[in-house]
Amino acid sequence: MTLPTFFTLLYWFSLTPPPLVPWIERALLIAFLFMLGVGVAARIVAMRKGWEKMKRRALVKVAWALIVLSLFGLLLILVEYERIYLLSMRAGFLLWVALLGWYVWSLYRFVYV
């Protein structure tokens, strides 16, 4: 029994991976641009004066997390589109997921702990 290509190490760590399927590439681009827009909008909303200090700080942290994650995701899409050797490895997406987990954990600690 063989694993699907998605679950193999060669898929994630190949130095010259095959290009992404065009509809997946477009969907990721739209998702990252949407995240960037939501992050900028959240940052603008956080500047309002009528909010409590802790709510404003939490919203600023969420906004910066969305902005950083979206810019990193757009960088991943750019290097994938340009087919840059070594940088277009799929491991970059694993790094993006790890960064997302770190942001979620730090936001959880800030809000609930």
N, C-alpha and C. Protein backbone atom coordinates (compact mmCIF):
# COMPACT_ATOMS: atom_id res chain seq x y z
N MET A 1 0.83 -1.17 0.00
CA MET A 1 0.00 0.00 0.00
C MET A 1 0.89 1.25 0.00
N THR A 2 0.62 2.17 -0.88
CA THR A 2 1.41 3.39 -0.97
C THR A 2 0.59 4.57 -0.47
N LEU A 3 1.29 5.51 0.10
CA LEU A 3 0.65 6.71 0.60
C LEU A 3 0.34 7.65 -0.56
N PRO A 4 -0.73 8.44 -0.46
CA PRO A 4 -0.93 9.49 -1.47
C PRO A 4 0.25 10.46 -1.46
N THR A 5 0.48 11.13 -2.56
CA THR A 5 1.65 12.00 -2.66
C THR A 5 1.63 13.12 -1.63
N PHE A 6 0.47 13.51 -1.16
CA PHE A 6 0.36 14.57 -0.16
C PHE A 6 1.02 14.18 1.15
N PHE A 7 1.08 12.90 1.46
CA PHE A 7 1.61 12.43 2.74
C PHE A 7 3.05 11.94 2.64
N THR A 8 3.73 12.18 1.55
CA THR A 8 5.12 11.73 1.43
C THR A 8 6.08 12.88 1.73
N LEU A 9 7.25 12.54 2.22
CA LEU A 9 8.25 13.56 2.50
C LEU A 9 8.75 14.24 1.24
N LEU A 10 8.79 13.50 0.13
CA LEU A 10 9.25 14.07 -1.12
C LEU A 10 8.34 15.21 -1.57
N TYR A 11 7.05 15.10 -1.31
CA TYR A 11 6.11 16.16 -1.69
C TYR A 11 6.42 17.44 -0.92
N TRP A 12 6.71 17.35 0.35
CA TRP A 12 6.91 18.53 1.18
C TRP A 12 8.32 19.11 1.08
N PHE A 13 9.32 18.27 0.83
CA PHE A 13 10.71 18.72 0.90
C PHE A 13 11.46 18.60 -0.42
N SER A 14 10.76 18.46 -1.54
CA SER A 14 11.42 18.43 -2.84
C SER A 14 11.94 19.82 -3.17
N LEU A 15 13.18 19.89 -3.68
CA LEU A 15 13.76 21.19 -4.01
C LEU A 15 13.11 21.80 -5.25
N THR A 16 12.58 20.99 -6.10
CA THR A 16 11.88 21.48 -7.30
C THR A 16 10.51 20.83 -7.37
N PRO A 17 9.56 21.29 -6.56
CA PRO A 17 8.24 20.67 -6.55
C PRO A 17 7.46 21.02 -7.82
N PRO A 18 6.50 20.19 -8.18
CA PRO A 18 5.67 20.54 -9.33
C PRO A 18 4.82 21.76 -8.99
N PRO A 19 4.40 22.51 -10.00
CA PRO A 19 3.61 23.71 -9.69
C PRO A 19 2.26 23.34 -9.08
N LEU A 20 1.72 24.29 -8.33
CA LEU A 20 0.40 24.08 -7.75
C LEU A 20 -0.66 24.04 -8.84
N VAL A 21 -1.75 23.37 -8.55
CA VAL A 21 -2.88 23.37 -9.47
C VAL A 21 -3.39 24.81 -9.55
N PRO A 22 -3.70 25.31 -10.76
CA PRO A 22 -4.06 26.74 -10.88
C PRO A 22 -5.21 27.19 -9.98
N TRP A 23 -6.22 26.37 -9.80
CA TRP A 23 -7.35 26.82 -8.97
C TRP A 23 -6.98 26.87 -7.50
N ILE A 24 -6.05 26.00 -7.07
CA ILE A 24 -5.58 26.06 -5.68
C ILE A 24 -4.72 27.31 -5.49
N GLU A 25 -3.89 27.61 -6.47
CA GLU A 25 -3.05 28.81 -6.38
C GLU A 25 -3.91 30.07 -6.30
N ARG A 26 -4.97 30.14 -7.13
CA ARG A 26 -5.87 31.30 -7.08
C ARG A 26 -6.62 31.36 -5.76
N ALA A 27 -7.07 30.21 -5.27
CA ALA A 27 -7.81 30.19 -4.00
C ALA A 27 -6.92 30.65 -2.85
N LEU A 28 -5.67 30.20 -2.82
CA LEU A 28 -4.74 30.65 -1.78
C LEU A 28 -4.46 32.15 -1.90
N LEU A 29 -4.31 32.63 -3.12
CA LEU A 29 -4.07 34.06 -3.33
C LEU A 29 -5.25 34.88 -2.83
N ILE A 30 -6.46 34.45 -3.15
CA ILE A 30 -7.65 35.17 -2.68
C ILE A 30 -7.75 35.11 -1.16
N ALA A 31 -7.47 33.94 -0.57
CA ALA A 31 -7.55 33.80 0.89
C ALA A 31 -6.53 34.71 1.58
N PHE A 32 -5.30 34.76 1.06
CA PHE A 32 -4.28 35.60 1.69
C PHE A 32 -4.58 37.08 1.52
N LEU A 33 -5.11 37.47 0.36
CA LEU A 33 -5.50 38.87 0.18
C LEU A 33 -6.67 39.23 1.09
N PHE A 34 -7.61 38.32 1.28
CA PHE A 34 -8.73 38.55 2.19
C PHE A 34 -8.22 38.71 3.62
N MET A 35 -7.27 37.86 4.01
CA MET A 35 -6.69 37.97 5.36
C MET A 35 -6.00 39.31 5.54
N LEU A 36 -5.32 39.78 4.51
CA LEU A 36 -4.65 41.07 4.59
C LEU A 36 -5.67 42.19 4.75
N GLY A 37 -6.75 42.13 4.00
CA GLY A 37 -7.79 43.15 4.11
C GLY A 37 -8.44 43.15 5.48
N VAL A 38 -8.73 41.96 6.01
CA VAL A 38 -9.33 41.87 7.35
C VAL A 38 -8.36 42.37 8.40
N GLY A 39 -7.09 42.07 8.26
CA GLY A 39 -6.09 42.53 9.22
C GLY A 39 -5.96 44.05 9.22
N VAL A 40 -5.95 44.65 8.04
CA VAL A 40 -5.86 46.10 7.96
C VAL A 40 -7.13 46.73 8.53
N ALA A 41 -8.29 46.16 8.21
CA ALA A 41 -9.55 46.69 8.73
C ALA A 41 -9.59 46.56 10.26
N ALA A 42 -9.12 45.44 10.79
CA ALA A 42 -9.10 45.26 12.24
C ALA A 42 -8.16 46.26 12.90
N ARG A 43 -7.06 46.55 12.27
CA ARG A 43 -6.12 47.54 12.82
C ARG A 43 -6.74 48.93 12.83
N ILE A 44 -7.49 49.27 11.78
CA ILE A 44 -8.16 50.56 11.73
C ILE A 44 -9.25 50.64 12.80
N VAL A 45 -10.01 49.56 12.95
CA VAL A 45 -11.07 49.54 13.97
C VAL A 45 -10.46 49.62 15.37
N ALA A 46 -9.30 49.03 15.57
CA ALA A 46 -8.66 49.04 16.89
C ALA A 46 -8.20 50.43 17.31
N MET A 47 -8.07 51.34 16.36
CA MET A 47 -7.63 52.69 16.69
C MET A 47 -8.76 53.55 17.24
N ARG A 48 -9.99 53.04 17.26
CA ARG A 48 -11.10 53.82 17.80
C ARG A 48 -10.91 54.05 19.29
N LYS A 49 -11.35 55.19 19.76
CA LYS A 49 -11.07 55.59 21.14
C LYS A 49 -12.03 54.98 22.16
N GLY A 50 -13.24 54.56 21.79
CA GLY A 50 -14.24 54.16 22.76
C GLY A 50 -14.08 52.76 23.33
N TRP A 51 -13.04 52.03 22.97
CA TRP A 51 -12.87 50.65 23.40
C TRP A 51 -12.06 50.56 24.67
N GLU A 52 -12.29 49.49 25.41
CA GLU A 52 -11.45 49.23 26.58
C GLU A 52 -10.03 48.91 26.13
N LYS A 53 -9.09 49.16 27.04
CA LYS A 53 -7.68 49.00 26.69
C LYS A 53 -7.32 47.56 26.31
N MET A 54 -7.81 46.58 27.07
CA MET A 54 -7.47 45.18 26.81
C MET A 54 -8.11 44.68 25.52
N LYS A 55 -9.34 45.11 25.23
CA LYS A 55 -9.98 44.71 23.97
C LYS A 55 -9.22 45.29 22.79
N ARG A 56 -8.79 46.53 22.92
CA ARG A 56 -8.04 47.17 21.84
C ARG A 56 -6.70 46.46 21.63
N ARG A 57 -6.03 46.11 22.71
CA ARG A 57 -4.76 45.38 22.57
C ARG A 57 -4.95 44.02 21.92
N ALA A 58 -6.01 43.31 22.31
CA ALA A 58 -6.28 42.00 21.71
C ALA A 58 -6.57 42.15 20.22
N LEU A 59 -7.34 43.17 19.85
CA LEU A 59 -7.65 43.37 18.43
C LEU A 59 -6.41 43.76 17.64
N VAL A 60 -5.54 44.54 18.25
CA VAL A 60 -4.28 44.89 17.58
C VAL A 60 -3.44 43.64 17.36
N LYS A 61 -3.39 42.76 18.36
CA LYS A 61 -2.62 41.51 18.20
C LYS A 61 -3.20 40.64 17.10
N VAL A 62 -4.52 40.55 17.03
CA VAL A 62 -5.17 39.77 15.97
C VAL A 62 -4.88 40.40 14.61
N ALA A 63 -4.96 41.73 14.54
CA ALA A 63 -4.70 42.41 13.28
C ALA A 63 -3.27 42.16 12.80
N TRP A 64 -2.31 42.27 13.71
CA TRP A 64 -0.92 42.05 13.30
C TRP A 64 -0.67 40.59 12.92
N ALA A 65 -1.33 39.68 13.61
CA ALA A 65 -1.19 38.26 13.25
C ALA A 65 -1.73 38.03 11.84
N LEU A 66 -2.89 38.60 11.53
CA LEU A 66 -3.45 38.43 10.19
C LEU A 66 -2.57 39.07 9.12
N ILE A 67 -2.04 40.24 9.42
CA ILE A 67 -1.19 40.92 8.44
C ILE A 67 0.10 40.13 8.20
N VAL A 68 0.75 39.68 9.26
CA VAL A 68 2.00 38.93 9.11
C VAL A 68 1.76 37.61 8.38
N LEU A 69 0.71 36.88 8.78
CA LEU A 69 0.42 35.61 8.13
C LEU A 69 0.05 35.79 6.66
N SER A 70 -0.69 36.84 6.35
CA SER A 70 -1.07 37.04 4.95
C SER A 70 0.13 37.45 4.11
N LEU A 71 1.00 38.30 4.64
CA LEU A 71 2.19 38.69 3.87
C LEU A 71 3.13 37.50 3.66
N PHE A 72 3.28 36.67 4.69
CA PHE A 72 4.10 35.47 4.53
C PHE A 72 3.47 34.52 3.51
N GLY A 73 2.15 34.38 3.55
CA GLY A 73 1.45 33.54 2.57
C GLY A 73 1.58 34.08 1.16
N LEU A 74 1.48 35.41 1.01
CA LEU A 74 1.66 36.01 -0.32
C LEU A 74 3.10 35.81 -0.82
N LEU A 75 4.06 35.86 0.09
CA LEU A 75 5.44 35.58 -0.29
C LEU A 75 5.58 34.13 -0.77
N LEU A 76 4.92 33.20 -0.08
CA LEU A 76 4.95 31.80 -0.51
C LEU A 76 4.34 31.63 -1.90
N ILE A 77 3.23 32.31 -2.16
CA ILE A 77 2.59 32.23 -3.47
C ILE A 77 3.50 32.85 -4.54
N LEU A 78 4.17 33.95 -4.20
CA LEU A 78 5.07 34.60 -5.16
C LEU A 78 6.23 33.69 -5.54
N VAL A 79 6.89 33.09 -4.55
CA VAL A 79 8.03 32.23 -4.89
C VAL A 79 7.55 30.96 -5.59
N GLU A 80 6.33 30.52 -5.31
CA GLU A 80 5.78 29.37 -6.04
C GLU A 80 5.50 29.75 -7.49
N TYR A 81 4.95 30.93 -7.71
CA TYR A 81 4.63 31.39 -9.05
C TYR A 81 5.90 31.60 -9.88
N GLU A 82 6.93 32.16 -9.25
CA GLU A 82 8.18 32.43 -9.96
C GLU A 82 9.08 31.20 -10.07
N ARG A 83 8.69 30.12 -9.36
CA ARG A 83 9.43 28.85 -9.39
C ARG A 83 10.87 29.05 -8.92
N ILE A 84 11.04 29.73 -7.82
CA ILE A 84 12.37 29.99 -7.25
C ILE A 84 12.86 28.72 -6.57
N TYR A 85 14.00 28.26 -7.00
CA TYR A 85 14.61 27.04 -6.49
C TYR A 85 14.80 27.15 -4.99
N LEU A 86 14.51 26.11 -4.28
CA LEU A 86 14.65 25.95 -2.83
C LEU A 86 13.60 26.72 -2.03
N LEU A 87 13.25 27.95 -2.42
CA LEU A 87 12.25 28.70 -1.67
C LEU A 87 10.82 28.23 -1.98
N SER A 88 10.63 27.59 -3.12
CA SER A 88 9.28 27.15 -3.49
C SER A 88 8.94 25.76 -2.95
N MET A 89 9.73 25.29 -1.99
CA MET A 89 9.41 24.00 -1.37
C MET A 89 8.08 24.10 -0.64
N ARG A 90 7.34 23.00 -0.59
CA ARG A 90 6.06 22.98 0.10
C ARG A 90 6.23 23.09 1.62
N ALA A 91 7.45 22.92 2.09
CA ALA A 91 7.71 23.03 3.52
C ALA A 91 7.42 24.45 4.01
N GLY A 92 7.44 25.42 3.12
CA GLY A 92 7.08 26.78 3.50
C GLY A 92 5.65 26.85 4.01
N PHE A 93 4.76 26.05 3.42
CA PHE A 93 3.38 26.02 3.88
C PHE A 93 3.28 25.36 5.26
N LEU A 94 4.15 24.38 5.51
CA LEU A 94 4.19 23.79 6.86
C LEU A 94 4.68 24.83 7.87
N LEU A 95 5.65 25.64 7.47
CA LEU A 95 6.13 26.71 8.33
C LEU A 95 5.03 27.73 8.57
N TRP A 96 4.21 28.03 7.54
CA TRP A 96 3.09 28.95 7.69
C TRP A 96 2.08 28.40 8.70
N VAL A 97 1.78 27.11 8.63
CA VAL A 97 0.85 26.49 9.58
C VAL A 97 1.42 26.53 10.99
N ALA A 98 2.73 26.31 11.12
CA ALA A 98 3.36 26.39 12.45
C ALA A 98 3.28 27.82 12.99
N LEU A 99 3.49 28.80 12.13
CA LEU A 99 3.39 30.19 12.54
C LEU A 99 1.95 30.53 12.94
N LEU A 100 0.99 30.00 12.23
CA LEU A 100 -0.41 30.18 12.58
C LEU A 100 -0.70 29.59 13.96
N GLY A 101 -0.21 28.40 14.21
CA GLY A 101 -0.40 27.78 15.52
C GLY A 101 0.24 28.59 16.63
N TRP A 102 1.42 29.13 16.39
CA TRP A 102 2.09 29.95 17.40
C TRP A 102 1.29 31.21 17.69
N TYR A 103 0.76 31.86 16.63
CA TYR A 103 -0.05 33.06 16.84
C TYR A 103 -1.34 32.73 17.60
N VAL A 104 -1.98 31.64 17.25
CA VAL A 104 -3.21 31.26 17.94
C VAL A 104 -2.92 30.99 19.41
N TRP A 105 -1.83 30.28 19.69
CA TRP A 105 -1.48 29.99 21.08
C TRP A 105 -1.15 31.26 21.85
N SER A 106 -0.40 32.17 21.25
CA SER A 106 -0.06 33.40 21.96
C SER A 106 -1.28 34.29 22.16
N LEU A 107 -2.20 34.31 21.21
CA LEU A 107 -3.43 35.08 21.38
C LEU A 107 -4.31 34.44 22.45
N TYR A 108 -4.36 33.13 22.50
CA TYR A 108 -5.13 32.45 23.52
C TYR A 108 -4.57 32.78 24.91
N ARG A 109 -3.25 32.72 25.05
CA ARG A 109 -2.62 33.06 26.33
C ARG A 109 -2.90 34.49 26.73
N PHE A 110 -2.87 35.40 25.76
CA PHE A 110 -3.09 36.81 26.06
C PHE A 110 -4.52 37.07 26.50
N VAL A 111 -5.48 36.44 25.83
CA VAL A 111 -6.89 36.73 26.09
C VAL A 111 -7.41 35.98 27.31
N TYR A 112 -7.08 34.71 27.45
CA TYR A 112 -7.71 33.89 28.48
C TYR A 112 -6.86 33.64 29.72
N VAL A 113 -5.58 33.85 29.62
CA VAL A 113 -4.73 33.53 30.79
C VAL A 113 -4.34 34.80 31.52
